[in-house]
PDB file of N, CA and C in Angstrom:
ATOM      1  N   MET A   1       8.809  -7.393  28.296  1.00  0.00           N
ATOM      2  CA  MET A   1       8.554  -7.782  26.815  1.00  0.00           C
ATOM      3  C   MET A   1       8.884  -6.768  25.968  1.00  0.00           C
ATOM      4  N   GLN A   2       8.878  -5.449  26.550  1.00  0.00           N
ATOM      5  CA  GLN A   2       9.351  -4.359  25.610  1.00  0.00           C
ATOM      6  C   GLN A   2      10.662  -4.662  24.809  1.00  0.00           C
ATOM      7  N   GLU A   3      11.475  -5.282  25.878  1.00  0.00           N
ATOM      8  CA  GLU A   3      12.986  -5.390  25.321  1.00  0.00           C
ATOM      9  C   GLU A   3      13.019  -6.119  24.353  1.00  0.00           C
ATOM     10  N   LYS A   4      12.194  -7.317  24.093  1.00  0.00           N
ATOM     11  CA  LYS A   4      12.096  -8.409  23.190  1.00  0.00           C
ATOM     12  C   LYS A   4      11.810  -8.140  21.882  1.00  0.00           C
ATOM     13  N   LEU A   5      11.081  -6.857  22.003  1.00  0.00           N
ATOM     14  CA  LEU A   5      10.620  -6.403  20.618  1.00  0.00           C
ATOM     15  C   LEU A   5      11.441  -6.039  19.595  1.00  0.00           C
ATOM     16  N   TYR A   6      12.691  -5.343  20.097  1.00  0.00           N
ATOM     17  CA  TYR A   6      14.075  -4.863  19.455  1.00  0.00           C
ATOM     18  C   TYR A   6      15.432  -5.544  19.615  1.00  0.00           C
ATOM     19  N   ALA A   7      15.195  -6.623  20.294  1.00  0.00           N
ATOM     20  CA  ALA A   7      16.317  -7.515  20.766  1.00  0.00           C
ATOM     21  C   ALA A   7      17.102  -7.669  19.623  1.00  0.00           C
ATOM     22  N   GLU A   8      16.538  -8.076  18.298  1.00  0.00           N
ATOM     23  CA  GLU A   8      17.454  -8.389  17.455  1.00  0.00           C
ATOM     24  C   GLU A   8      18.335  -7.184  16.610  1.00  0.00           C
ATOM     25  N   PHE A   9      18.114  -6.169  17.076  1.00  0.00           N
ATOM     26  CA  PHE A   9      18.952  -5.066  16.859  1.00  0.00           C
ATOM     27  C   PHE A   9      20.029  -4.652  17.787  1.00  0.00           C
ATOM     28  N   LYS A  10      21.003  -4.818  17.103  1.00  0.00           N
ATOM     29  CA  LYS A  10      22.182  -4.360  18.258  1.00  0.00           C
ATOM     30  C   LYS A  10      22.373  -2.966  17.916  1.00  0.00           C
ATOM     31  N   SER A  11      22.728  -2.226  19.107  1.00  0.00           N
ATOM     32  CA  SER A  11      22.656  -0.863  19.153  1.00  0.00           C
ATOM     33  C   SER A  11      23.821  -0.254  18.292  1.00  0.00           C
ATOM     34  N   ALA A  12      25.013  -0.783  18.282  1.00  0.00           N
ATOM     35  CA  ALA A  12      26.211  -0.450  17.440  1.00  0.00           C
ATOM     36  C   ALA A  12      25.977  -0.516  15.924  1.00  0.00           C
ATOM     37  N   SER A  13      24.921  -1.307  15.380  1.00  0.00           N
ATOM     38  CA  SER A  13      24.604  -1.500  13.996  1.00  0.00           C
ATOM     39  C   SER A  13      23.704  -0.573  13.512  1.00  0.00           C
ATOM     40  N   LEU A  14      23.226   0.235  14.381  1.00  0.00           N
ATOM     41  CA  LEU A  14      22.129   1.187  13.699  1.00  0.00           C
ATOM     42  C   LEU A  14      22.903   2.244  12.767  1.00  0.00           C
ATOM     43  N   ILE A  15      22.196   2.398  11.795  1.00  0.00           N
ATOM     44  CA  ILE A  15      22.860   3.506  10.914  1.00  0.00           C
ATOM     45  C   ILE A  15      21.732   4.542  10.486  1.00  0.00           C
ATOM     46  N   LEU A  16      21.851   5.235   9.759  1.00  0.00           N
ATOM     47  CA  LEU A  16      21.197   6.411   9.488  1.00  0.00           C
ATOM     48  C   LEU A  16      19.901   6.017   9.008  1.00  0.00           C
ATOM     49  N   ARG A  17      19.389   4.942   8.244  1.00  0.00           N
ATOM     50  CA  ARG A  17      18.444   4.588   7.824  1.00  0.00           C
ATOM     51  C   ARG A  17      17.387   4.118   8.968  1.00  0.00           C
ATOM     52  N   ASP A  18      18.295   3.462  10.098  1.00  0.00           N
ATOM     53  CA  ASP A  18      17.353   2.669  11.248  1.00  0.00           C
ATOM     54  C   ASP A  18      17.066   4.009  12.053  1.00  0.00           C
ATOM     55  N   HIS A  19      17.987   4.891  12.268  1.00  0.00           N
ATOM     56  CA  HIS A  19      17.472   6.229  12.954  1.00  0.00           C
ATOM     57  C   HIS A  19      16.317   6.949  12.363  1.00  0.00           C
ATOM     58  N   LEU A  20      16.088   6.833  10.871  1.00  0.00           N
ATOM     59  CA  LEU A  20      15.202   7.688  10.344  1.00  0.00           C
ATOM     60  C   LEU A  20      13.837   6.704  10.408  1.00  0.00           C
ATOM     61  N   ALA A  21      13.819   5.405  10.338  1.00  0.00           N
ATOM     62  CA  ALA A  21      12.951   4.361  10.719  1.00  0.00           C
ATOM     63  C   ALA A  21      12.168   4.942  11.987  1.00  0.00           C
ATOM     64  N   ILE A  22      13.213   4.900  13.017  1.00  0.00           N
ATOM     65  CA  ILE A  22      12.699   5.225  14.589  1.00  0.00           C
ATOM     66  C   ILE A  22      11.767   6.386  14.524  1.00  0.00           C
ATOM     67  N   ASP A  23      12.355   7.323  13.684  1.00  0.00           N
ATOM     68  CA  ASP A  23      11.741   8.688  13.637  1.00  0.00           C
ATOM     69  C   ASP A  23      10.215   8.658  12.977  1.00  0.00           C
ATOM     70  N   ARG A  24      10.078   7.776  11.844  1.00  0.00           N
ATOM     71  CA  ARG A  24       9.000   7.644  11.219  1.00  0.00           C
ATOM     72  C   ARG A  24       8.027   6.923  12.276  1.00  0.00           C
ATOM     73  N   THR A  25       8.505   5.863  12.957  1.00  0.00           N
ATOM     74  CA  THR A  25       7.785   5.072  13.856  1.00  0.00           C
ATOM     75  C   THR A  25       7.073   5.999  14.929  1.00  0.00           C
ATOM     76  N   LEU A  26       8.038   7.010  15.435  1.00  0.00           N
ATOM     77  CA  LEU A  26       7.513   7.880  16.544  1.00  0.00           C
ATOM     78  C   LEU A  26       6.090   8.712  15.807  1.00  0.00           C
ATOM     79  N   LEU A  27       6.419   9.000  14.646  1.00  0.00           N
ATOM     80  CA  LEU A  27       5.271   9.859  14.123  1.00  0.00           C
ATOM     81  C   LEU A  27       4.135   9.041  13.765  1.00  0.00           C
ATOM     82  N   ALA A  28       4.320   7.963  13.496  1.00  0.00           N
ATOM     83  CA  ALA A  28       3.170   6.938  13.432  1.00  0.00           C
ATOM     84  C   ALA A  28       2.458   6.821  14.464  1.00  0.00           C
ATOM     85  N   ASN A  29       3.377   6.606  15.514  1.00  0.00           N
ATOM     86  CA  ASN A  29       2.873   6.490  16.978  1.00  0.00           C
ATOM     87  C   ASN A  29       1.902   7.467  17.501  1.00  0.00           C
ATOM     88  N   GLU A  30       2.392   8.673  17.069  1.00  0.00           N
ATOM     89  CA  GLU A  30       1.628   9.782  17.649  1.00  0.00           C
ATOM     90  C   GLU A  30       0.364  10.061  16.796  1.00  0.00           C
ATOM     91  N   ARG A  31       0.421   9.591  15.430  1.00  0.00           N
ATOM     92  CA  ARG A  31      -0.921   9.694  14.558  1.00  0.00           C
ATOM     93  C   ARG A  31      -1.832   8.553  15.040  1.00  0.00           C
ATOM     94  N   THR A  32      -1.464   7.641  15.648  1.00  0.00           N
ATOM     95  CA  THR A  32      -2.296   6.625  16.012  1.00  0.00           C
ATOM     96  C   THR A  32      -3.032   6.866  17.281  1.00  0.00           C
ATOM     97  N   LEU A  33      -2.272   7.815  18.071  1.00  0.00           N
ATOM     98  CA  LEU A  33      -2.910   8.279  19.455  1.00  0.00           C
ATOM     99  C   LEU A  33      -3.882   9.331  19.233  1.00  0.00           C
ATOM    100  N   LEU A  34      -3.561  10.307  17.960  1.00  0.00           N
ATOM    101  CA  LEU A  34      -4.470  11.002  18.023  1.00  0.00           C
ATOM    102  C   LEU A  34      -5.716  10.562  17.232  1.00  0.00           C
ATOM    103  N   ALA A  35      -5.567   9.462  16.372  1.00  0.00           N
ATOM    104  CA  ALA A  35      -6.821   8.704  15.846  1.00  0.00           C
ATOM    105  C   ALA A  35      -7.632   8.187  17.071  1.00  0.00           C
ATOM    106  N   TYR A  36      -7.317   7.596  17.825  1.00  0.00           N
ATOM    107  CA  TYR A  36      -7.824   7.025  18.901  1.00  0.00           C
ATOM    108  C   TYR A  36      -8.250   8.334  19.769  1.00  0.00           C
ATOM    109  N   LEU A  37      -7.766   9.113  20.253  1.00  0.00           N
ATOM    110  CA  LEU A  37      -8.319  10.387  20.867  1.00  0.00           C
ATOM    111  C   LEU A  37      -9.589  10.770  20.265  1.00  0.00           C
ATOM    112  N   ARG A  38      -9.506  11.222  18.794  1.00  0.00           N
ATOM    113  CA  ARG A  38     -10.483  11.543  17.849  1.00  0.00           C
ATOM    114  C   ARG A  38     -11.651  10.692  17.993  1.00  0.00           C
ATOM    115  N   SER A  39     -11.426   9.548  17.910  1.00  0.00           N
ATOM    116  CA  SER A  39     -12.523   8.565  17.856  1.00  0.00           C
ATOM    117  C   SER A  39     -13.499   8.580  19.290  1.00  0.00           C
ATOM    118  N   GLY A  40     -12.497   8.685  20.331  1.00  0.00           N
ATOM    119  CA  GLY A  40     -13.047   8.603  21.638  1.00  0.00           C
ATOM    120  C   GLY A  40     -13.926   9.898  21.768  1.00  0.00           C
ATOM    121  N   VAL A  41     -13.442  11.143  21.415  1.00  0.00           N
ATOM    122  CA  VAL A  41     -14.085  12.442  21.565  1.00  0.00           C
ATOM    123  C   VAL A  41     -15.336  12.103  20.516  1.00  0.00           C
ATOM    124  N   ALA A  42     -15.532  11.714  19.441  1.00  0.00           N
ATOM    125  CA  ALA A  42     -16.651  11.606  18.525  1.00  0.00           C
ATOM    126  C   ALA A  42     -17.560  10.630  19.536  1.00  0.00           C
ATOM    127  N   MET A  43     -17.392   9.697  20.080  1.00  0.00           N
ATOM    128  CA  MET A  43     -18.154   8.714  20.915  1.00  0.00           C
ATOM    129  C   MET A  43     -18.677   9.476  21.952  1.00  0.00           C
ATOM    130  N   LEU A  44     -18.032  10.412  22.677  1.00  0.00           N
ATOM    131  CA  LEU A  44     -18.532  11.251  23.794  1.00  0.00           C
ATOM    132  C   LEU A  44     -19.489  12.367  23.302  1.00  0.00           C
ATOM    133  N   MET A  45     -19.080  12.804  22.016  1.00  0.00           N
ATOM    134  CA  MET A  45     -20.167  13.942  21.698  1.00  0.00           C
ATOM    135  C   MET A  45     -21.538  13.256  21.036  1.00  0.00           C
ATOM    136  N   ALA A  46     -21.167  12.016  20.200  1.00  0.00           N
ATOM    137  CA  ALA A  46     -22.434  11.180  20.196  1.00  0.00           C
ATOM    138  C   ALA A  46     -23.443  10.807  21.326  1.00  0.00           C
ATOM    139  N   GLY A  47     -22.677  10.383  22.183  1.00  0.00           N
ATOM    140  CA  GLY A  47     -23.446  10.212  23.485  1.00  0.00           C
ATOM    141  C   GLY A  47     -24.150  11.259  24.033  1.00  0.00           C
ATOM    142  N   PHE A  48     -23.381  12.407  24.274  1.00  0.00           N
ATOM    143  CA  PHE A  48     -24.120  13.793  24.628  1.00  0.00           C
ATOM    144  C   PHE A  48     -25.211  14.211  23.825  1.00  0.00           C
ATOM    145  N   THR A  49     -25.006  14.080  22.531  1.00  0.00           N
ATOM    146  CA  THR A  49     -25.864  14.528  21.664  1.00  0.00           C
ATOM    147  C   THR A  49     -27.167  13.741  21.699  1.00  0.00           C
ATOM    148  N   ILE A  50     -27.097  12.495  21.517  1.00  0.00           N
ATOM    149  CA  ILE A  50     -28.230  11.603  21.812  1.00  0.00           C
ATOM    150  C   ILE A  50     -29.032  11.911  23.069  1.00  0.00           C
ATOM    151  N   LEU A  51     -28.198  11.954  23.999  1.00  0.00           N
ATOM    152  CA  LEU A  51     -28.964  12.118  25.380  1.00  0.00           C
ATOM    153  C   LEU A  51     -29.623  13.531  25.470  1.00  0.00           C
ATOM    154  N   HIS A  52     -29.138  14.678  24.712  1.00  0.00           N
ATOM    155  CA  HIS A  52     -29.767  15.582  24.933  1.00  0.00           C
ATOM    156  C   HIS A  52     -30.881  15.849  24.045  1.00  0.00           C
ATOM    157  N   PHE A  53     -30.745  15.323  22.681  1.00  0.00           N
ATOM    158  CA  PHE A  53     -31.838  15.620  21.729  1.00  0.00           C
ATOM    159  C   PHE A  53     -32.829  14.507  21.501  1.00  0.00           C
ATOM    160  N   LEU A  54     -32.605  13.357  21.825  1.00  0.00           N
ATOM    161  CA  LEU A  54     -33.537  12.411  21.650  1.00  0.00           C
ATOM    162  C   LEU A  54     -34.179  11.889  23.077  1.00  0.00           C
ATOM    163  N   ASP A  55     -35.403  11.755  23.103  1.00  0.00           N
ATOM    164  CA  ASP A  55     -36.016  11.543  24.605  1.00  0.00           C
ATOM    165  C   ASP A  55     -36.344  10.120  24.368  1.00  0.00           C
ATOM    166  N   GLY A  56     -36.271   9.308  25.546  1.00  0.00           N
ATOM    167  CA  GLY A  56     -36.780   8.048  26.047  1.00  0.00           C
ATOM    168  C   GLY A  56     -36.240   6.963  25.392  1.00  0.00           C
ATOM    169  N   GLY A  57     -36.671   5.891  25.655  1.00  0.00           N
ATOM    170  CA  GLY A  57     -36.566   4.509  24.648  1.00  0.00           C
ATOM    171  C   GLY A  57     -35.131   4.059  24.749  1.00  0.00           C
ATOM    172  N   TRP A  58     -34.816   3.259  23.907  1.00  0.00           N
ATOM    173  CA  TRP A  58     -33.579   2.772  23.764  1.00  0.00           C
ATOM    174  C   TRP A  58     -32.538   3.655  23.219  1.00  0.00           C
ATOM    175  N   PHE A  59     -32.893   5.034  22.703  1.00  0.00           N
ATOM    176  CA  PHE A  59     -32.129   5.980  22.437  1.00  0.00           C
ATOM    177  C   PHE A  59     -31.289   6.570  23.783  1.00  0.00           C
ATOM    178  N   TRP A  60     -31.886   6.307  24.592  1.00  0.00           N
ATOM    179  CA  TRP A  60     -31.196   6.836  25.786  1.00  0.00           C
ATOM    180  C   TRP A  60     -29.999   6.085  26.459  1.00  0.00           C
ATOM    181  N   LEU A  61     -30.499   4.841  26.294  1.00  0.00           N
ATOM    182  CA  LEU A  61     -29.363   3.722  26.534  1.00  0.00           C
ATOM    183  C   LEU A  61     -28.340   3.678  25.435  1.00  0.00           C
ATOM    184  N   VAL A  62     -28.256   3.995  24.397  1.00  0.00           N
ATOM    185  CA  VAL A  62     -27.483   4.208  23.411  1.00  0.00           C
ATOM    186  C   VAL A  62     -26.653   5.338  23.609  1.00  0.00           C
ATOM    187  N   GLY A  63     -27.182   6.360  24.524  1.00  0.00           N
ATOM    188  CA  GLY A  63     -26.363   7.479  24.510  1.00  0.00           C
ATOM    189  C   GLY A  63     -25.468   7.481  25.652  1.00  0.00           C
ATOM    190  N   LEU A  64     -26.179   6.675  26.855  1.00  0.00           N
ATOM    191  CA  LEU A  64     -25.494   6.288  28.014  1.00  0.00           C
ATOM    192  C   LEU A  64     -24.352   5.312  27.727  1.00  0.00           C
ATOM    193  N   PHE A  65     -24.563   4.367  26.670  1.00  0.00           N
ATOM    194  CA  PHE A  65     -23.299   3.366  26.089  1.00  0.00           C
ATOM    195  C   PHE A  65     -22.304   4.054  25.630  1.00  0.00           C
ATOM    196  N   CYS A  66     -22.446   5.205  24.484  1.00  0.00           N
ATOM    197  CA  CYS A  66     -21.514   5.804  24.103  1.00  0.00           C
ATOM    198  C   CYS A  66     -20.521   6.596  25.027  1.00  0.00           C
ATOM    199  N   LEU A  67     -20.993   6.920  26.038  1.00  0.00           N
ATOM    200  CA  LEU A  67     -20.168   7.923  27.061  1.00  0.00           C
ATOM    201  C   LEU A  67     -18.859   6.914  27.750  1.00  0.00           C
ATOM    202  N   PRO A  68     -19.153   6.106  28.290  1.00  0.00           N
ATOM    203  CA  PRO A  68     -18.043   5.082  28.865  1.00  0.00           C
ATOM    204  C   PRO A  68     -17.172   4.577  27.575  1.00  0.00           C
ATOM    205  N   VAL A  69     -17.762   4.379  26.726  1.00  0.00           N
ATOM    206  CA  VAL A  69     -16.995   3.672  25.341  1.00  0.00           C
ATOM    207  C   VAL A  69     -15.975   4.624  24.828  1.00  0.00           C
ATOM    208  N   GLY A  70     -16.529   5.964  24.629  1.00  0.00           N
ATOM    209  CA  GLY A  70     -15.568   6.991  24.659  1.00  0.00           C
ATOM    210  C   GLY A  70     -14.423   7.343  25.433  1.00  0.00           C
ATOM    211  N   ILE A  71     -14.677   7.130  26.577  1.00  0.00           N
ATOM    212  CA  ILE A  71     -13.755   7.305  27.444  1.00  0.00           C
ATOM    213  C   ILE A  71     -12.752   6.155  27.616  1.00  0.00           C
ATOM    214  N   LEU A  72     -13.109   5.129  27.423  1.00  0.00           N
ATOM    215  CA  LEU A  72     -12.276   3.898  27.156  1.00  0.00           C
ATOM    216  C   LEU A  72     -11.596   3.797  25.785  1.00  0.00           C
ATOM    217  N   VAL A  73     -12.118   4.265  24.696  1.00  0.00           N
ATOM    218  CA  VAL A  73     -11.179   4.304  23.461  1.00  0.00           C
ATOM    219  C   VAL A  73     -10.023   5.284  23.859  1.00  0.00           C
ATOM    220  N   GLY A  74     -10.251   6.378  24.194  1.00  0.00           N
ATOM    221  CA  GLY A  74      -9.363   7.518  24.677  1.00  0.00           C
ATOM    222  C   GLY A  74      -8.211   7.028  25.555  1.00  0.00           C
ATOM    223  N   GLY A  75      -8.651   6.049  26.528  1.00  0.00           N
ATOM    224  CA  GLY A  75      -7.833   5.622  27.559  1.00  0.00           C
ATOM    225  C   GLY A  75      -6.975   4.517  27.106  1.00  0.00           C
ATOM    226  N   ILE A  76      -7.474   3.365  26.090  1.00  0.00           N
ATOM    227  CA  ILE A  76      -6.750   2.623  25.475  1.00  0.00           C
ATOM    228  C   ILE A  76      -5.590   3.191  24.515  1.00  0.00           C
ATOM    229  N   GLY A  77      -6.120   4.357  23.719  1.00  0.00           N
ATOM    230  CA  GLY A  77      -5.176   5.143  22.976  1.00  0.00           C
ATOM    231  C   GLY A  77      -4.057   5.499  23.867  1.00  0.00           C
ATOM    232  N   VAL A  78      -4.302   6.080  24.792  1.00  0.00           N
ATOM    233  CA  VAL A  78      -2.938   6.656  25.457  1.00  0.00           C
ATOM    234  C   VAL A  78      -2.088   5.424  26.281  1.00  0.00           C
ATOM    235  N   TRP A  79      -2.856   4.495  26.534  1.00  0.00           N
ATOM    236  CA  TRP A  79      -1.905   3.278  27.140  1.00  0.00           C
ATOM    237  C   TRP A  79      -1.240   2.612  25.986  1.00  0.00           C
ATOM    238  N   ARG A  80      -1.687   2.641  24.970  1.00  0.00           N
ATOM    239  CA  ARG A  80      -0.850   2.043  23.616  1.00  0.00           C
ATOM    240  C   ARG A  80       0.124   2.941  23.203  1.00  0.00           C
ATOM    241  N   PHE A  81       0.003   4.176  23.286  1.00  0.00           N
ATOM    242  CA  PHE A  81       1.107   5.213  22.861  1.00  0.00           C
ATOM    243  C   PHE A  81       2.019   5.206  23.954  1.00  0.00           C
ATOM    244  N   VAL A  82       1.537   5.236  25.249  1.00  0.00           N
ATOM    245  CA  VAL A  82       2.791   5.097  26.108  1.00  0.00           C
ATOM    246  C   VAL A  82       3.751   3.815  25.963  1.00  0.00           C
ATOM    247  N   ARG A  83       2.846   2.721  25.861  1.00  0.00           N
ATOM    248  CA  ARG A  83       3.580   1.406  25.831  1.00  0.00           C
ATOM    249  C   ARG A  83       4.641   1.493  24.516  1.00  0.00           C
ATOM    250  N   MET A  84       3.962   1.838  23.434  1.00  0.00           N
ATOM    251  CA  MET A  84       5.105   1.534  22.164  1.00  0.00           C
ATOM    252  C   MET A  84       6.029   2.844  22.279  1.00  0.00           C
ATOM    253  N   ASN A  85       5.741   3.943  23.004  1.00  0.00           N
ATOM    254  CA  ASN A  85       6.898   4.985  23.235  1.00  0.00           C
ATOM    255  C   ASN A  85       8.053   4.535  24.026  1.00  0.00           C
ATOM    256  N   ARG A  86       7.898   3.679  25.043  1.00  0.00           N
ATOM    257  CA  ARG A  86       8.672   3.173  25.891  1.00  0.00           C
ATOM    258  C   ARG A  86       9.718   2.001  25.032  1.00  0.00           C
ATOM    259  N   ALA A  87       8.889   1.686  24.271  1.00  0.00           N
ATOM    260  CA  ALA A  87       9.756   0.287  23.482  1.00  0.00           C
ATOM    261  C   ALA A  87      10.520   1.005  22.449  1.00  0.00           C
ATOM    262  N   ILE A  88      10.129   2.190  22.019  1.00  0.00           N
ATOM    263  CA  ILE A  88      10.861   2.798  20.846  1.00  0.00           C
ATOM    264  C   ILE A  88      12.223   3.648  21.812  1.00  0.00           C
ATOM    265  N   SER A  89      12.021   4.177  22.818  1.00  0.00           N
ATOM    266  CA  SER A  89      13.007   4.798  23.539  1.00  0.00           C
ATOM    267  C   SER A  89      14.054   3.923  23.872  1.00  0.00           C
ATOM    268  N   LEU A  90      13.665   2.656  24.152  1.00  0.00           N
ATOM    269  CA  LEU A  90      14.738   1.594  24.655  1.00  0.00           C
ATOM    270  C   LEU A  90      15.768   1.576  23.534  1.00  0.00           C
ATOM    271  N   VAL A  91      15.226   1.409  22.228  1.00  0.00           N
ATOM    272  CA  VAL A  91      16.223   1.422  21.223  1.00  0.00           C
ATOM    273  C   VAL A  91      16.954   2.842  20.920  1.00  0.00           C
ATOM    274  N   ARG A  92      16.357   3.696  20.881  1.00  0.00           N
ATOM    275  CA  ARG A  92      16.964   4.914  20.662  1.00  0.00           C
ATOM    276  C   ARG A  92      18.003   5.238  21.855  1.00  0.00           C
ATOM    277  N   ASN A  93      17.656   5.000  23.083  1.00  0.00           N
ATOM    278  CA  ASN A  93      18.656   5.253  24.093  1.00  0.00           C
ATOM    279  C   ASN A  93      19.803   4.301  23.943  1.00  0.00           C
ATOM    280  N   ARG A  94      19.446   3.073  23.611  1.00  0.00           N
ATOM    281  CA  ARG A  94      20.759   1.992  23.489  1.00  0.00           C
ATOM    282  C   ARG A  94      21.702   2.598  22.230  1.00  0.00           C
ATOM    283  N   SER A  95      21.252   3.021  21.240  1.00  0.00           N
ATOM    284  CA  SER A  95      22.026   3.455  20.265  1.00  0.00           C
ATOM    285  C   SER A  95      22.708   4.667  20.475  1.00  0.00           C
ATOM    286  N   ALA A  96      22.151   5.610  21.361  1.00  0.00           N
ATOM    287  CA  ALA A  96      22.836   6.739  21.890  1.00  0.00           C
ATOM    288  C   ALA A  96      23.820   6.637  22.919  1.00  0.00           C
ATOM    289  N   VAL A  97      23.615   5.498  23.665  1.00  0.00           N
ATOM    290  CA  VAL A  97      24.651   5.254  24.574  1.00  0.00           C
ATOM    291  C   VAL A  97      25.921   4.436  23.808  1.00  0.00           C
ATOM    292  N   ASP A  98      25.689   3.649  22.662  1.00  0.00           N
ATOM    293  CA  ASP A  98      26.817   3.133  22.084  1.00  0.00           C
ATOM    294  C   ASP A  98      27.531   4.032  21.186  1.00  0.00           C
ATOM    295  N   ASP A  99      26.793   5.221  20.679  1.00  0.00           N
ATOM    296  CA  ASP A  99      27.593   6.100  19.933  1.00  0.00           C
ATOM    297  C   ASP A  99      28.296   7.144  20.521  1.00  0.00           C
ATOM    298  N   ARG A 100      28.503   7.124  22.012  1.00  0.00           N
ATOM    299  CA  ARG A 100      29.523   7.745  22.500  1.00  0.00           C
ATOM    300  C   ARG A 100      30.882   7.332  22.509  1.00  0.00           C
TER     301      ARG A 100
END
């Protein structure tokens, strides 16, 4: 499926504008990963804070809910980053092979 995303681009037809667009996409992908990780860490911190400072009742359940959600959000971010990075690398590698 990764190859189909950029199948319309022929490697020989990539020009400077296309290479710069790939670089911008890489930076956007890293920025998105950092946003996912920041959200995951915030959920973990919220969960630990709620568990530490608030006793009993439904607060404890909310704190316990935040912990796995934070881990899940971070994991989804890493998974999406790796998947998109592979797709971008396919395009970059194709153009590097054809430029030789």
